[in-house]
Amino acid sequence: MRKPLLGICYGTQSLNVWRGGSLVQDIESPVQHQRPDDKPRGFVIEHEAVVEAGSRLAELTGAGEITVNSSHHQSVSRVGDGLRIVARSPRDGVIEAVEGTAAGHWVLGVQWHPERNSATNEISRRIFERLVEEAVAFHHKLRVQAPDFENVNRDNAPRVGAKEEK
């Protein structure tokens, strides 16, 4: 249906594999990408990611270096069909974000966790705001193209399949 899609961490990895891509099964790098076993839950690992100019992600973050939280030991290796790399860790080249290439279909996958700091981090907040904007636009487009979408007509007409009252 070409619904807007945001993949976070494992969601990005799943999207990539579903699209025919592959994963690095266990990242080997001097960059810390996941919480060490001896650290408590909630311990935050951060590192830099470089966002590609001209990408949809760059519209939200600006191009260049951003700081991301991190807690993954796998990442995208070979990019799946219809996806492109839009951010990497500059020190080790690990892919940190992908996005869809189809015009008119908003697809973004990030390896970090914007949900963990959206209350305090403007970039994380922008990602969710854009997802909501895209979802609202998608829903509006569907209502215009298919007024019986979800069997609801906003003009108080009977629902499709509803029994008539006698």
Protein backbone atom coordinates (compact mmCIF):
# COMPACT_ATOMS: atom_id res chain seq x y z
CA MET A 1 0.00 0.00 0.00
CA ARG A 2 3.10 2.24 0.13
CA LYS A 3 2.42 3.33 3.70
CA PRO A 4 5.08 5.50 5.36
CA LEU A 5 7.57 3.32 7.20
CA LEU A 6 10.10 3.98 9.95
CA GLY A 7 12.44 1.13 10.87
CA ILE A 8 14.36 1.41 14.14
CA CYS A 9 17.40 -0.78 14.83
CA TYR A 10 16.17 -4.36 14.29
CA GLY A 11 13.34 -2.91 12.18
CA THR A 12 15.93 -1.46 9.81
CA GLN A 13 17.75 -4.77 9.66
CA SER A 14 14.47 -6.64 9.02
CA LEU A 15 13.46 -4.19 6.28
CA ASN A 16 16.83 -4.63 4.59
CA VAL A 17 16.66 -8.43 4.66
CA TRP A 18 13.02 -8.38 3.48
CA ARG A 19 14.21 -6.30 0.52
CA GLY A 20 16.88 -8.91 -0.31
CA GLY A 21 19.82 -7.34 1.50
CA SER A 22 22.17 -8.91 4.01
CA LEU A 23 23.51 -8.16 7.48
CA VAL A 24 26.81 -7.97 9.28
CA GLN A 25 26.07 -10.60 11.92
CA ASP A 26 28.42 -9.23 14.57
CA ILE A 27 30.09 -5.84 14.10
CA GLU A 28 33.82 -5.89 14.79
CA SER A 29 34.97 -2.32 15.26
CA PRO A 30 36.85 -0.01 17.62
CA VAL A 31 33.64 2.08 17.67
CA GLN A 32 31.31 1.04 20.48
CA HIS A 33 27.96 0.21 18.86
CA GLN A 34 26.33 -1.61 21.78
CA ARG A 35 26.21 -1.39 25.56
CA PRO A 36 29.03 -3.39 27.15
CA ASP A 37 27.86 -6.41 29.15
CA ASP A 38 29.23 -4.91 32.38
CA LYS A 39 27.17 -1.71 32.06
CA PRO A 40 23.61 -1.37 33.43
CA ARG A 41 20.52 -1.06 31.25
CA GLY A 42 20.03 2.58 30.41
CA PHE A 43 23.76 3.17 29.95
CA VAL A 44 23.93 5.28 26.78
CA ILE A 45 26.46 4.66 24.04
CA GLU A 46 26.80 7.48 21.51
CA HIS A 47 28.91 7.94 18.40
CA GLU A 48 28.88 10.03 15.26
CA ALA A 49 27.08 9.28 12.00
CA VAL A 50 27.56 11.20 8.77
CA VAL A 51 24.32 11.95 6.93
CA GLU A 52 24.41 12.13 3.13
CA ALA A 53 23.50 15.48 1.58
CA GLY A 54 20.33 15.41 -0.51
CA SER A 55 18.78 12.53 1.43
CA ARG A 56 15.39 12.61 3.10
CA LEU A 57 17.21 12.07 6.39
CA ALA A 58 19.31 15.19 5.70
CA GLU A 59 16.06 17.17 5.38
CA LEU A 60 15.51 16.35 9.07
CA THR A 61 19.04 16.40 10.43
CA GLY A 62 21.07 18.46 8.04
CA ALA A 63 23.90 16.86 6.10
CA GLY A 64 27.12 15.99 7.85
CA GLU A 65 27.87 14.67 11.32
CA ILE A 66 25.20 14.01 13.89
CA THR A 67 25.44 12.20 17.23
CA VAL A 68 23.34 9.06 17.59
CA ASN A 69 22.71 6.70 20.48
CA SER A 70 23.63 3.13 19.69
CA SER A 71 22.88 -0.36 20.96
CA HIS A 72 23.24 -2.81 18.09
CA HIS A 73 25.73 -5.53 17.24
CA GLN A 74 24.36 -6.16 13.73
CA SER A 75 24.01 -3.79 10.81
CA VAL A 76 23.16 -3.63 7.13
CA SER A 77 25.84 -5.18 4.93
CA ARG A 78 24.52 -5.46 1.36
CA VAL A 79 21.68 -2.96 0.87
CA GLY A 80 18.33 -4.40 -0.23
CA ASP A 81 16.39 -3.54 -3.37
CA GLY A 82 14.83 -0.10 -3.35
CA LEU A 83 16.98 1.13 -0.45
CA ARG A 84 20.03 3.36 -0.34
CA ILE A 85 22.60 4.17 2.32
CA VAL A 86 22.12 7.66 3.77
CA ALA A 87 24.29 7.59 6.91
CA ARG A 88 27.44 5.83 8.09
CA SER A 89 29.62 5.83 11.15
CA PRO A 90 32.65 7.85 9.96
CA ARG A 91 35.24 5.86 11.93
CA ASP A 92 34.32 2.36 10.81
CA GLY A 93 31.90 2.74 7.88
CA VAL A 94 29.05 0.89 9.61
CA ILE A 95 25.77 1.74 7.90
CA GLU A 96 23.63 3.77 10.32
CA ALA A 97 20.64 4.67 8.10
CA VAL A 98 18.94 3.68 4.86
CA GLU A 99 15.96 5.10 3.04
CA GLY A 100 13.66 4.07 0.24
CA THR A 101 14.39 5.17 -3.30
CA ALA A 102 10.81 5.18 -4.64
CA ALA A 103 9.42 8.65 -5.23
CA GLY A 104 6.34 9.38 -3.15
CA HIS A 105 6.96 6.58 -0.64
CA TRP A 106 8.55 7.64 2.65
CA VAL A 107 10.77 4.86 4.01
CA LEU A 108 13.49 5.51 6.58
CA GLY A 109 15.49 3.02 8.60
CA VAL A 110 17.88 4.07 11.37
CA GLN A 111 20.16 1.87 13.46
CA TRP A 112 19.87 4.11 16.50
CA HIS A 113 16.92 4.56 18.86
CA PRO A 114 15.21 7.95 18.40
CA GLU A 115 12.36 6.80 20.66
CA ARG A 116 14.74 6.78 23.61
CA ASN A 117 15.51 10.49 23.48
CA SER A 118 12.76 12.14 21.43
CA ALA A 119 11.74 14.27 24.42
CA THR A 120 15.19 15.86 24.62
CA ASN A 121 16.77 15.45 21.17
CA GLU A 122 15.56 17.65 18.31
CA ILE A 123 16.71 15.26 15.56
CA SER A 124 14.87 12.34 17.14
CA ARG A 125 11.75 14.47 17.55
CA ARG A 126 11.92 15.56 13.89
CA ILE A 127 12.05 11.94 12.73
CA PHE A 128 8.81 11.14 14.55
CA GLU A 129 7.16 14.40 13.50
CA ARG A 130 7.94 13.59 9.86
CA LEU A 131 6.58 10.05 10.24
CA VAL A 132 3.31 11.49 11.58
CA GLU A 133 3.16 14.10 8.77
CA GLU A 134 3.72 11.39 6.17
CA ALA A 135 1.07 9.15 7.77
CA VAL A 136 -1.50 11.98 7.80
CA ALA A 137 -0.75 12.77 4.14
CA PHE A 138 -1.02 9.08 3.24
CA HIS A 139 -4.37 8.78 4.99
CA HIS A 140 -5.68 11.94 3.31
CA LYS A 141 -4.56 10.68 -0.12
CA LEU A 142 -6.31 7.36 0.47
CA ARG A 143 -9.53 9.11 1.54
CA VAL A 144 -9.50 11.22 -1.62
CA GLN A 145 -8.72 8.28 -3.92
CA ALA A 146 -10.90 5.73 -2.13
CA PRO A 147 -13.67 7.40 -0.12
CA ASP A 148 -14.74 4.08 1.39
CA PHE A 149 -11.30 3.66 2.96
CA GLU A 150 -11.80 1.81 6.25
CA ASN A 151 -15.54 1.85 5.49
CA VAL A 152 -15.81 5.38 6.83
CA ASN A 153 -17.35 8.35 5.11
CA ARG A 154 -16.81 11.59 6.97
CA ASP A 155 -20.07 13.03 5.55
CA ASN A 156 -22.16 10.72 7.79
CA ALA A 157 -23.15 8.49 4.90
CA PRO A 158 -23.86 4.86 5.84
CA ARG A 159 -20.86 2.60 6.20
CA VAL A 160 -20.23 0.23 3.36
CA GLY A 161 -21.81 -3.07 4.28
CA ALA A 162 -23.84 -1.54 7.13
CA LYS A 163 -27.39 -2.83 7.52
CA GLU A 164 -30.11 -0.34 6.72
CA GLU A 165 -32.43 0.58 9.55
CA LYS A 166 -36.14 0.04 8.81
